[in-house]
PDB file of N, CA and C in Angstrom:
ATOM      1  N   UNK A   1     -32.292  18.597-109.482  1.00  0.00           N
ATOM      2  CA  UNK A   1     -31.919  17.423-108.688  1.00  0.00           C
ATOM      3  C   UNK A   1     -30.670  16.938-109.599  1.00  0.00           C
ATOM      4  N   UNK A   2     -29.554  16.948-108.477  1.00  0.00           N
ATOM      5  CA  UNK A   2     -28.137  16.293-109.101  1.00  0.00           C
ATOM      6  C   UNK A   2     -28.244  15.041-109.042  1.00  0.00           C
ATOM      7  N   UNK A   3     -27.606  14.722-110.497  1.00  0.00           N
ATOM      8  CA  UNK A   3     -27.343  13.229-110.658  1.00  0.00           C
ATOM      9  C   UNK A   3     -25.716  12.886-110.722  1.00  0.00           C
ATOM     10  N   UNK A   4     -25.003  13.448-109.876  1.00  0.00           N
ATOM     11  CA  UNK A   4     -23.633  13.491-110.172  1.00  0.00           C
ATOM     12  C   UNK A   4     -23.248  11.969-108.927  1.00  0.00           C
ATOM     13  N   UNK A   5     -22.601  10.970-109.852  1.00  0.00           N
ATOM     14  CA  UNK A   5     -22.084   9.825-109.220  1.00  0.00           C
ATOM     15  C   UNK A   5     -21.218  10.141-108.301  1.00  0.00           C
ATOM     16  N   UNK A   6     -20.328  11.196-108.480  1.00  0.00           N
ATOM     17  CA  UNK A   6     -19.323  11.875-107.164  1.00  0.00           C
ATOM     18  C   UNK A   6     -19.788  12.166-105.956  1.00  0.00           C
ATOM     19  N   UNK A   7     -21.281  12.378-105.961  1.00  0.00           N
ATOM     20  CA  UNK A   7     -21.770  12.427-104.325  1.00  0.00           C
ATOM     21  C   UNK A   7     -21.877  14.104-104.259  1.00  0.00           C
ATOM     22  N   UNK A   8     -22.292  13.998-102.851  1.00  0.00           N
ATOM     23  CA  UNK A   8     -22.604  15.436-102.109  1.00  0.00           C
ATOM     24  C   UNK A   8     -22.174  15.391-100.852  1.00  0.00           C
ATOM     25  N   UNK A   9     -21.636  16.490-100.431  1.00  0.00           N
ATOM     26  CA  UNK A   9     -21.195  16.659 -99.032  1.00  0.00           C
ATOM     27  C   UNK A   9     -22.148  16.133 -97.872  1.00  0.00           C
ATOM     28  N   UNK A  10     -22.271  15.562 -96.736  1.00  0.00           N
ATOM     29  CA  UNK A  10     -23.084  15.259 -96.172  1.00  0.00           C
ATOM     30  C   UNK A  10     -23.846  16.452 -95.259  1.00  0.00           C
ATOM     31  N   UNK A  11     -22.969  17.459 -95.133  1.00  0.00           N
ATOM     32  CA  UNK A  11     -23.786  18.436 -94.302  1.00  0.00           C
ATOM     33  C   UNK A  11     -24.432  19.029 -95.073  1.00  0.00           C
ATOM     34  N   UNK A  12     -24.151  19.324 -96.363  1.00  0.00           N
ATOM     35  CA  UNK A  12     -25.115  20.068 -97.618  1.00  0.00           C
ATOM     36  C   UNK A  12     -26.265  19.133 -97.745  1.00  0.00           C
ATOM     37  N   UNK A  13     -26.250  17.808 -97.738  1.00  0.00           N
ATOM     38  CA  UNK A  13     -27.322  17.033 -98.433  1.00  0.00           C
ATOM     39  C   UNK A  13     -28.301  17.199 -96.982  1.00  0.00           C
ATOM     40  N   UNK A  14     -27.991  17.099 -95.942  1.00  0.00           N
ATOM     41  CA  UNK A  14     -28.962  17.191 -94.797  1.00  0.00           C
ATOM     42  C   UNK A  14     -29.358  18.636 -94.674  1.00  0.00           C
ATOM     43  N   UNK A  15     -28.655  19.802 -94.994  1.00  0.00           N
ATOM     44  CA  UNK A  15     -29.453  20.769 -94.811  1.00  0.00           C
ATOM     45  C   UNK A  15     -30.647  20.874 -96.156  1.00  0.00           C
ATOM     46  N   UNK A  16     -30.125  20.212 -97.518  1.00  0.00           N
ATOM     47  CA  UNK A  16     -30.907  20.437 -98.461  1.00  0.00           C
ATOM     48  C   UNK A  16     -32.125  19.872 -98.154  1.00  0.00           C
ATOM     49  N   UNK A  17     -32.216  18.432 -97.553  1.00  0.00           N
ATOM     50  CA  UNK A  17     -33.527  17.537 -97.105  1.00  0.00           C
ATOM     51  C   UNK A  17     -34.071  18.261 -95.933  1.00  0.00           C
ATOM     52  N   UNK A  18     -33.815  19.158 -95.739  1.00  0.00           N
ATOM     53  CA  UNK A  18     -34.379  19.993 -94.197  1.00  0.00           C
ATOM     54  C   UNK A  18     -34.236  19.195 -92.749  1.00  0.00           C
ATOM     55  N   UNK A  19     -33.241  18.369 -92.704  1.00  0.00           N
ATOM     56  CA  UNK A  19     -32.995  17.713 -91.548  1.00  0.00           C
ATOM     57  C   UNK A  19     -32.588  18.684 -90.539  1.00  0.00           C
ATOM     58  N   UNK A  20     -31.828  19.949 -90.954  1.00  0.00           N
ATOM     59  CA  UNK A  20     -31.366  20.664 -89.862  1.00  0.00           C
ATOM     60  C   UNK A  20     -31.875  22.061 -90.559  1.00  0.00           C
ATOM     61  N   UNK A  21     -31.847  22.785 -89.758  1.00  0.00           N
ATOM     62  CA  UNK A  21     -32.130  24.243 -90.170  1.00  0.00           C
ATOM     63  C   UNK A  21     -31.014  25.042 -90.682  1.00  0.00           C
ATOM     64  N   UNK A  22     -30.157  24.662 -90.581  1.00  0.00           N
ATOM     65  CA  UNK A  22     -28.617  25.507 -91.073  1.00  0.00           C
ATOM     66  C   UNK A  22     -27.525  24.224 -91.561  1.00  0.00           C
ATOM     67  N   UNK A  23     -26.561  24.959 -92.362  1.00  0.00           N
ATOM     68  CA  UNK A  23     -25.532  23.808 -92.807  1.00  0.00           C
ATOM     69  C   UNK A  23     -24.585  23.716 -91.021  1.00  0.00           C
ATOM     70  N   UNK A  24     -24.397  24.978 -90.600  1.00  0.00           N
ATOM     71  CA  UNK A  24     -23.799  24.922 -89.188  1.00  0.00           C
ATOM     72  C   UNK A  24     -24.105  23.977 -88.172  1.00  0.00           C
ATOM     73  N   UNK A  25     -25.626  24.070 -87.949  1.00  0.00           N
ATOM     74  CA  UNK A  25     -25.937  22.902 -87.112  1.00  0.00           C
ATOM     75  C   UNK A  25     -25.886  21.473 -87.339  1.00  0.00           C
ATOM     76  N   UNK A  26     -25.789  21.323 -89.232  1.00  0.00           N
ATOM     77  CA  UNK A  26     -25.678  20.073 -89.341  1.00  0.00           C
ATOM     78  C   UNK A  26     -24.033  19.616 -88.891  1.00  0.00           C
ATOM     79  N   UNK A  27     -23.242  20.589 -89.186  1.00  0.00           N
ATOM     80  CA  UNK A  27     -21.970  20.334 -89.182  1.00  0.00           C
ATOM     81  C   UNK A  27     -21.839  20.258 -87.637  1.00  0.00           C
ATOM     82  N   UNK A  28     -22.204  20.700 -86.792  1.00  0.00           N
ATOM     83  CA  UNK A  28     -21.927  20.311 -85.394  1.00  0.00           C
ATOM     84  C   UNK A  28     -22.476  18.933 -85.047  1.00  0.00           C
ATOM     85  N   UNK A  29     -23.873  18.782 -85.403  1.00  0.00           N
ATOM     86  CA  UNK A  29     -24.498  17.634 -85.066  1.00  0.00           C
ATOM     87  C   UNK A  29     -23.211  15.807 -85.664  1.00  0.00           C
ATOM     88  N   UNK A  30     -22.776  16.402 -86.854  1.00  0.00           N
ATOM     89  CA  UNK A  30     -21.825  15.330 -87.519  1.00  0.00           C
ATOM     90  C   UNK A  30     -20.881  15.034 -86.442  1.00  0.00           C
ATOM     91  N   UNK A  31     -20.056  16.449 -86.229  1.00  0.00           N
ATOM     92  CA  UNK A  31     -18.872  16.591 -85.716  1.00  0.00           C
ATOM     93  C   UNK A  31     -18.932  15.631 -84.309  1.00  0.00           C
ATOM     94  N   UNK A  32     -20.280  15.831 -83.573  1.00  0.00           N
ATOM     95  CA  UNK A  32     -20.634  15.288 -82.200  1.00  0.00           C
ATOM     96  C   UNK A  32     -20.691  13.374 -82.416  1.00  0.00           C
ATOM     97  N   UNK A  33     -20.803  13.393 -83.422  1.00  0.00           N
ATOM     98  CA  UNK A  33     -21.205  11.709 -83.669  1.00  0.00           C
ATOM     99  C   UNK A  33     -22.420  11.394 -83.764  1.00  0.00           C
ATOM    100  N   UNK A  34     -23.323  12.503 -83.946  1.00  0.00           N
ATOM    101  CA  UNK A  34     -25.309  11.966 -84.199  1.00  0.00           C
ATOM    102  C   UNK A  34     -25.403  11.625 -85.436  1.00  0.00           C
ATOM    103  N   UNK A  35     -24.407  11.316 -86.663  1.00  0.00           N
ATOM    104  CA  UNK A  35     -24.710  10.839 -87.430  1.00  0.00           C
ATOM    105  C   UNK A  35     -23.971   9.575 -88.006  1.00  0.00           C
ATOM    106  N   UNK A  36     -24.766   8.563 -88.684  1.00  0.00           N
ATOM    107  CA  UNK A  36     -24.117   7.175 -89.215  1.00  0.00           C
ATOM    108  C   UNK A  36     -24.595   7.128 -90.806  1.00  0.00           C
ATOM    109  N   UNK A  37     -23.534   6.791 -91.496  1.00  0.00           N
ATOM    110  CA  UNK A  37     -23.822   6.356 -92.681  1.00  0.00           C
ATOM    111  C   UNK A  37     -23.417   5.166 -92.957  1.00  0.00           C
ATOM    112  N   UNK A  38     -24.282   4.637 -93.688  1.00  0.00           N
ATOM    113  CA  UNK A  38     -24.510   2.944 -93.926  1.00  0.00           C
ATOM    114  C   UNK A  38     -23.949   2.263 -92.874  1.00  0.00           C
ATOM    115  N   UNK A  39     -24.503   2.375 -91.701  1.00  0.00           N
ATOM    116  CA  UNK A  39     -24.591   1.658 -90.224  1.00  0.00           C
ATOM    117  C   UNK A  39     -22.900   2.051 -89.974  1.00  0.00           C
ATOM    118  N   UNK A  40     -22.174   3.042 -90.564  1.00  0.00           N
ATOM    119  CA  UNK A  40     -20.728   3.542 -89.754  1.00  0.00           C
ATOM    120  C   UNK A  40     -20.937   4.944 -89.392  1.00  0.00           C
ATOM    121  N   UNK A  41     -20.221   4.857 -88.015  1.00  0.00           N
ATOM    122  CA  UNK A  41     -20.048   6.225 -87.613  1.00  0.00           C
ATOM    123  C   UNK A  41     -19.418   7.287 -88.300  1.00  0.00           C
ATOM    124  N   UNK A  42     -20.235   8.526 -88.385  1.00  0.00           N
ATOM    125  CA  UNK A  42     -19.358   9.824 -89.293  1.00  0.00           C
ATOM    126  C   UNK A  42     -19.148  10.815 -88.586  1.00  0.00           C
ATOM    127  N   UNK A  43     -17.879  11.419 -88.608  1.00  0.00           N
ATOM    128  CA  UNK A  43     -18.126  12.639 -87.685  1.00  0.00           C
ATOM    129  C   UNK A  43     -17.118  13.910 -88.855  1.00  0.00           C
ATOM    130  N   UNK A  44     -17.583  13.398 -90.087  1.00  0.00           N
ATOM    131  CA  UNK A  44     -16.387  14.186 -91.271  1.00  0.00           C
ATOM    132  C   UNK A  44     -17.703  14.862 -91.900  1.00  0.00           C
ATOM    133  N   UNK A  45     -18.027  16.209 -91.817  1.00  0.00           N
ATOM    134  CA  UNK A  45     -19.289  16.888 -92.523  1.00  0.00           C
ATOM    135  C   UNK A  45     -18.604  16.824 -94.286  1.00  0.00           C
ATOM    136  N   UNK A  46     -17.653  16.762 -94.405  1.00  0.00           N
ATOM    137  CA  UNK A  46     -17.473  16.638 -95.905  1.00  0.00           C
ATOM    138  C   UNK A  46     -17.394  15.260 -96.536  1.00  0.00           C
ATOM    139  N   UNK A  47     -17.759  14.499 -95.885  1.00  0.00           N
ATOM    140  CA  UNK A  47     -18.086  12.699 -96.401  1.00  0.00           C
ATOM    141  C   UNK A  47     -19.111  13.094 -97.500  1.00  0.00           C
ATOM    142  N   UNK A  48     -18.612  12.190 -98.633  1.00  0.00           N
ATOM    143  CA  UNK A  48     -19.650  12.321 -99.820  1.00  0.00           C
ATOM    144  C   UNK A  48     -20.686  11.248 -99.418  1.00  0.00           C
ATOM    145  N   UNK A  49     -21.917  11.448 -99.935  1.00  0.00           N
ATOM    146  CA  UNK A  49     -23.124  10.701 -99.912  1.00  0.00           C
ATOM    147  C   UNK A  49     -23.274  10.513-101.229  1.00  0.00           C
ATOM    148  N   UNK A  50     -24.427   9.223-101.549  1.00  0.00           N
ATOM    149  CA  UNK A  50     -24.820   9.298-102.864  1.00  0.00           C
ATOM    150  C   UNK A  50     -26.248   8.761-102.820  1.00  0.00           C
ATOM    151  N   UNK A  51     -27.009   8.495-104.166  1.00  0.00           N
ATOM    152  CA  UNK A  51     -28.104   7.719-103.876  1.00  0.00           C
ATOM    153  C   UNK A  51     -28.284   6.507-103.327  1.00  0.00           C
ATOM    154  N   UNK A  52     -29.172   6.063-102.766  1.00  0.00           N
ATOM    155  CA  UNK A  52     -28.807   4.495-102.084  1.00  0.00           C
ATOM    156  C   UNK A  52     -28.305   4.549-100.707  1.00  0.00           C
ATOM    157  N   UNK A  53     -27.370   5.390-100.327  1.00  0.00           N
ATOM    158  CA  UNK A  53     -26.863   5.324 -98.933  1.00  0.00           C
ATOM    159  C   UNK A  53     -27.575   5.752 -97.843  1.00  0.00           C
ATOM    160  N   UNK A  54     -27.662   4.691 -96.623  1.00  0.00           N
ATOM    161  CA  UNK A  54     -28.601   5.079 -95.584  1.00  0.00           C
ATOM    162  C   UNK A  54     -28.037   5.695 -94.640  1.00  0.00           C
ATOM    163  N   UNK A  55     -28.639   6.903 -94.309  1.00  0.00           N
ATOM    164  CA  UNK A  55     -28.086   7.724 -93.188  1.00  0.00           C
ATOM    165  C   UNK A  55     -28.953   7.984 -91.902  1.00  0.00           C
ATOM    166  N   UNK A  56     -28.515   7.327 -90.736  1.00  0.00           N
ATOM    167  CA  UNK A  56     -29.270   7.610 -89.738  1.00  0.00           C
ATOM    168  C   UNK A  56     -28.690   8.993 -89.081  1.00  0.00           C
ATOM    169  N   UNK A  57     -29.775   9.569 -88.197  1.00  0.00           N
ATOM    170  CA  UNK A  57     -29.579  11.377 -87.386  1.00  0.00           C
ATOM    171  C   UNK A  57     -30.216  10.792 -86.366  1.00  0.00           C
ATOM    172  N   UNK A  58     -29.347  11.216 -85.085  1.00  0.00           N
ATOM    173  CA  UNK A  58     -29.882  11.101 -84.092  1.00  0.00           C
ATOM    174  C   UNK A  58     -29.472  12.932 -83.376  1.00  0.00           C
ATOM    175  N   UNK A  59     -30.693  13.406 -83.035  1.00  0.00           N
ATOM    176  CA  UNK A  59     -30.703  14.718 -82.699  1.00  0.00           C
ATOM    177  C   UNK A  59     -31.896  14.922 -82.134  1.00  0.00           C
ATOM    178  N   UNK A  60     -32.140  15.964 -81.028  1.00  0.00           N
ATOM    179  CA  UNK A  60     -33.185  16.613 -80.472  1.00  0.00           C
ATOM    180  C   UNK A  60     -34.088  15.547 -79.898  1.00  0.00           C
ATOM    181  N   UNK A  61     -33.360  14.266 -79.316  1.00  0.00           N
ATOM    182  CA  UNK A  61     -34.016  13.288 -78.680  1.00  0.00           C
ATOM    183  C   UNK A  61     -34.721  12.474 -79.530  1.00  0.00           C
ATOM    184  N   UNK A  62     -34.649  12.752 -80.702  1.00  0.00           N
ATOM    185  CA  UNK A  62     -35.120  11.625 -81.807  1.00  0.00           C
ATOM    186  C   UNK A  62     -34.124  11.035 -82.736  1.00  0.00           C
ATOM    187  N   UNK A  63     -34.511   9.813 -83.315  1.00  0.00           N
ATOM    188  CA  UNK A  63     -33.401   9.258 -84.101  1.00  0.00           C
ATOM    189  C   UNK A  63     -34.499   9.204 -85.634  1.00  0.00           C
ATOM    190  N   UNK A  64     -33.515   8.978 -86.728  1.00  0.00           N
ATOM    191  CA  UNK A  64     -34.350   9.067 -88.037  1.00  0.00           C
ATOM    192  C   UNK A  64     -33.480   8.247 -89.120  1.00  0.00           C
ATOM    193  N   UNK A  65     -34.204   7.581 -89.618  1.00  0.00           N
ATOM    194  CA  UNK A  65     -33.140   6.483 -90.859  1.00  0.00           C
ATOM    195  C   UNK A  65     -33.835   6.997 -92.278  1.00  0.00           C
ATOM    196  N   UNK A  66     -32.775   7.423 -92.744  1.00  0.00           N
ATOM    197  CA  UNK A  66     -33.186   8.079 -94.285  1.00  0.00           C
ATOM    198  C   UNK A  66     -32.505   7.216 -95.299  1.00  0.00           C
ATOM    199  N   UNK A  67     -33.115   6.917 -96.379  1.00  0.00           N
ATOM    200  CA  UNK A  67     -32.385   6.580 -97.677  1.00  0.00           C
ATOM    201  C   UNK A  67     -32.465   7.503 -98.519  1.00  0.00           C
ATOM    202  N   UNK A  68     -31.221   7.814 -99.045  1.00  0.00           N
ATOM    203  CA  UNK A  68     -30.981   8.974 -99.945  1.00  0.00           C
ATOM    204  C   UNK A  68     -31.606   8.619-101.138  1.00  0.00           C
ATOM    205  N   UNK A  69     -32.700   9.162-101.838  1.00  0.00           N
ATOM    206  CA  UNK A  69     -33.115   9.018-102.944  1.00  0.00           C
ATOM    207  C   UNK A  69     -32.604   9.751-104.310  1.00  0.00           C
ATOM    208  N   UNK A  70     -32.079  10.894-103.957  1.00  0.00           N
ATOM    209  CA  UNK A  70     -31.469  12.193-104.580  1.00  0.00           C
ATOM    210  C   UNK A  70     -30.775  13.037-103.947  1.00  0.00           C
ATOM    211  N   UNK A  71     -29.520  13.901-104.894  1.00  0.00           N
ATOM    212  CA  UNK A  71     -29.085  14.879-104.082  1.00  0.00           C
ATOM    213  C   UNK A  71     -29.383  15.845-103.758  1.00  0.00           C
ATOM    214  N   UNK A  72     -29.911  16.558-104.720  1.00  0.00           N
ATOM    215  CA  UNK A  72     -30.573  18.022-105.012  1.00  0.00           C
ATOM    216  C   UNK A  72     -29.260  18.757-104.902  1.00  0.00           C
ATOM    217  N   UNK A  73     -29.686  20.158-105.488  1.00  0.00           N
ATOM    218  CA  UNK A  73     -28.906  21.303-105.798  1.00  0.00           C
ATOM    219  C   UNK A  73     -29.320  22.616-104.825  1.00  0.00           C
ATOM    220  N   UNK A  74     -30.126  22.343-104.133  1.00  0.00           N
ATOM    221  CA  UNK A  74     -30.481  23.483-103.430  1.00  0.00           C
ATOM    222  C   UNK A  74     -31.290  23.158-102.389  1.00  0.00           C
ATOM    223  N   UNK A  75     -31.564  24.262-101.541  1.00  0.00           N
ATOM    224  CA  UNK A  75     -32.377  23.827-100.159  1.00  0.00           C
ATOM    225  C   UNK A  75     -34.018  24.467-100.711  1.00  0.00           C
ATOM    226  N   UNK A  76     -34.384  23.590-101.139  1.00  0.00           N
ATOM    227  CA  UNK A  76     -36.075  24.114-101.338  1.00  0.00           C
ATOM    228  C   UNK A  76     -37.155  23.918-100.797  1.00  0.00           C
ATOM    229  N   UNK A  77     -38.211  23.992-100.649  1.00  0.00           N
ATOM    230  CA  UNK A  77     -39.492  23.959-100.230  1.00  0.00           C
ATOM    231  C   UNK A  77     -39.628  22.626 -99.548  1.00  0.00           C
ATOM    232  N   UNK A  78     -40.489  22.298 -98.691  1.00  0.00           N
ATOM    233  CA  UNK A  78     -40.455  21.194 -97.950  1.00  0.00           C
ATOM    234  C   UNK A  78     -40.635  19.904 -98.779  1.00  0.00           C
ATOM    235  N   UNK A  79     -41.715  19.975 -99.787  1.00  0.00           N
ATOM    236  CA  UNK A  79     -42.280  19.155-100.572  1.00  0.00           C
ATOM    237  C   UNK A  79     -41.171  18.760-101.580  1.00  0.00           C
ATOM    238  N   UNK A  80     -39.956  19.541-101.827  1.00  0.00           N
ATOM    239  CA  UNK A  80     -38.939  19.323-102.706  1.00  0.00           C
ATOM    240  C   UNK A  80     -38.036  18.793-102.176  1.00  0.00           C
ATOM    241  N   UNK A  81     -37.700  19.023-100.552  1.00  0.00           N
ATOM    242  CA  UNK A  81     -36.832  18.321 -99.604  1.00  0.00           C
ATOM    243  C   UNK A  81     -37.240  16.706 -99.633  1.00  0.00           C
ATOM    244  N   UNK A  82     -38.542  16.470 -99.129  1.00  0.00           N
ATOM    245  CA  UNK A  82     -38.810  15.367 -99.226  1.00  0.00           C
ATOM    246  C   UNK A  82     -38.681  14.492-100.155  1.00  0.00           C
ATOM    247  N   UNK A  83     -38.430  14.760-101.416  1.00  0.00           N
ATOM    248  CA  UNK A  83     -38.146  14.045-102.696  1.00  0.00           C
ATOM    249  C   UNK A  83     -36.600  13.523-102.568  1.00  0.00           C
ATOM    250  N   UNK A  84     -35.820  14.100-101.401  1.00  0.00           N
ATOM    251  CA  UNK A  84     -34.615  13.448-101.599  1.00  0.00           C
ATOM    252  C   UNK A  84     -34.262  12.474-100.767  1.00  0.00           C
ATOM    253  N   UNK A  85     -35.257  11.865 -99.860  1.00  0.00           N
ATOM    254  CA  UNK A  85     -34.913  10.455 -99.179  1.00  0.00           C
ATOM    255  C   UNK A  85     -36.361   9.704 -99.210  1.00  0.00           C
ATOM    256  N   UNK A  86     -36.413   8.725 -98.675  1.00  0.00           N
ATOM    257  CA  UNK A  86     -37.202   7.580 -98.619  1.00  0.00           C
ATOM    258  C   UNK A  86     -37.111   7.570 -96.736  1.00  0.00           C
ATOM    259  N   UNK A  87     -38.402   7.668 -96.214  1.00  0.00           N
ATOM    260  CA  UNK A  87     -38.161   7.691 -94.594  1.00  0.00           C
ATOM    261  C   UNK A  87     -38.277   6.315 -94.428  1.00  0.00           C
ATOM    262  N   UNK A  88     -36.924   5.618 -93.744  1.00  0.00           N
ATOM    263  CA  UNK A  88     -37.111   4.210 -93.507  1.00  0.00           C
ATOM    264  C   UNK A  88     -37.924   3.704 -92.112  1.00  0.00           C
ATOM    265  N   UNK A  89     -38.148   4.868 -91.270  1.00  0.00           N
ATOM    266  CA  UNK A  89     -38.840   4.442 -90.190  1.00  0.00           C
ATOM    267  C   UNK A  89     -40.528   4.451 -90.352  1.00  0.00           C
ATOM    268  N   UNK A  90     -40.907   5.064 -91.661  1.00  0.00           N
ATOM    269  CA  UNK A  90     -42.251   5.325 -91.970  1.00  0.00           C
ATOM    270  C   UNK A  90     -42.838   3.977 -92.745  1.00  0.00           C
ATOM    271  N   UNK A  91     -41.501   3.161 -93.277  1.00  0.00           N
ATOM    272  CA  UNK A  91     -41.905   1.986 -93.823  1.00  0.00           C
ATOM    273  C   UNK A  91     -42.056   0.837 -93.460  1.00  0.00           C
ATOM    274  N   UNK A  92     -42.006   0.780 -91.898  1.00  0.00           N
ATOM    275  CA  UNK A  92     -41.993  -0.414 -91.049  1.00  0.00           C
ATOM    276  C   UNK A  92     -43.635  -0.605 -90.826  1.00  0.00           C
TER     277      UNK A  92
END
């Protein structure tokens, strides 16, 4: 996992965290306005995200609120991907 304070592109992070099946789908959803970062609308796939940022994704009829725990450096297995975020919906 990357501990780079510079951050990671939002589309890459969503792909690494297995929120979307491909980066292309992540880019489409971001550009369509389906993603918010720290409660602000985001339509730029290249926006840098960092651990601690809150990402809300609206896709496929569902909303997910996630807090970034780590950036990651690849799209690994699901168990690895789950370590990249805290699911804020399940903490309630």
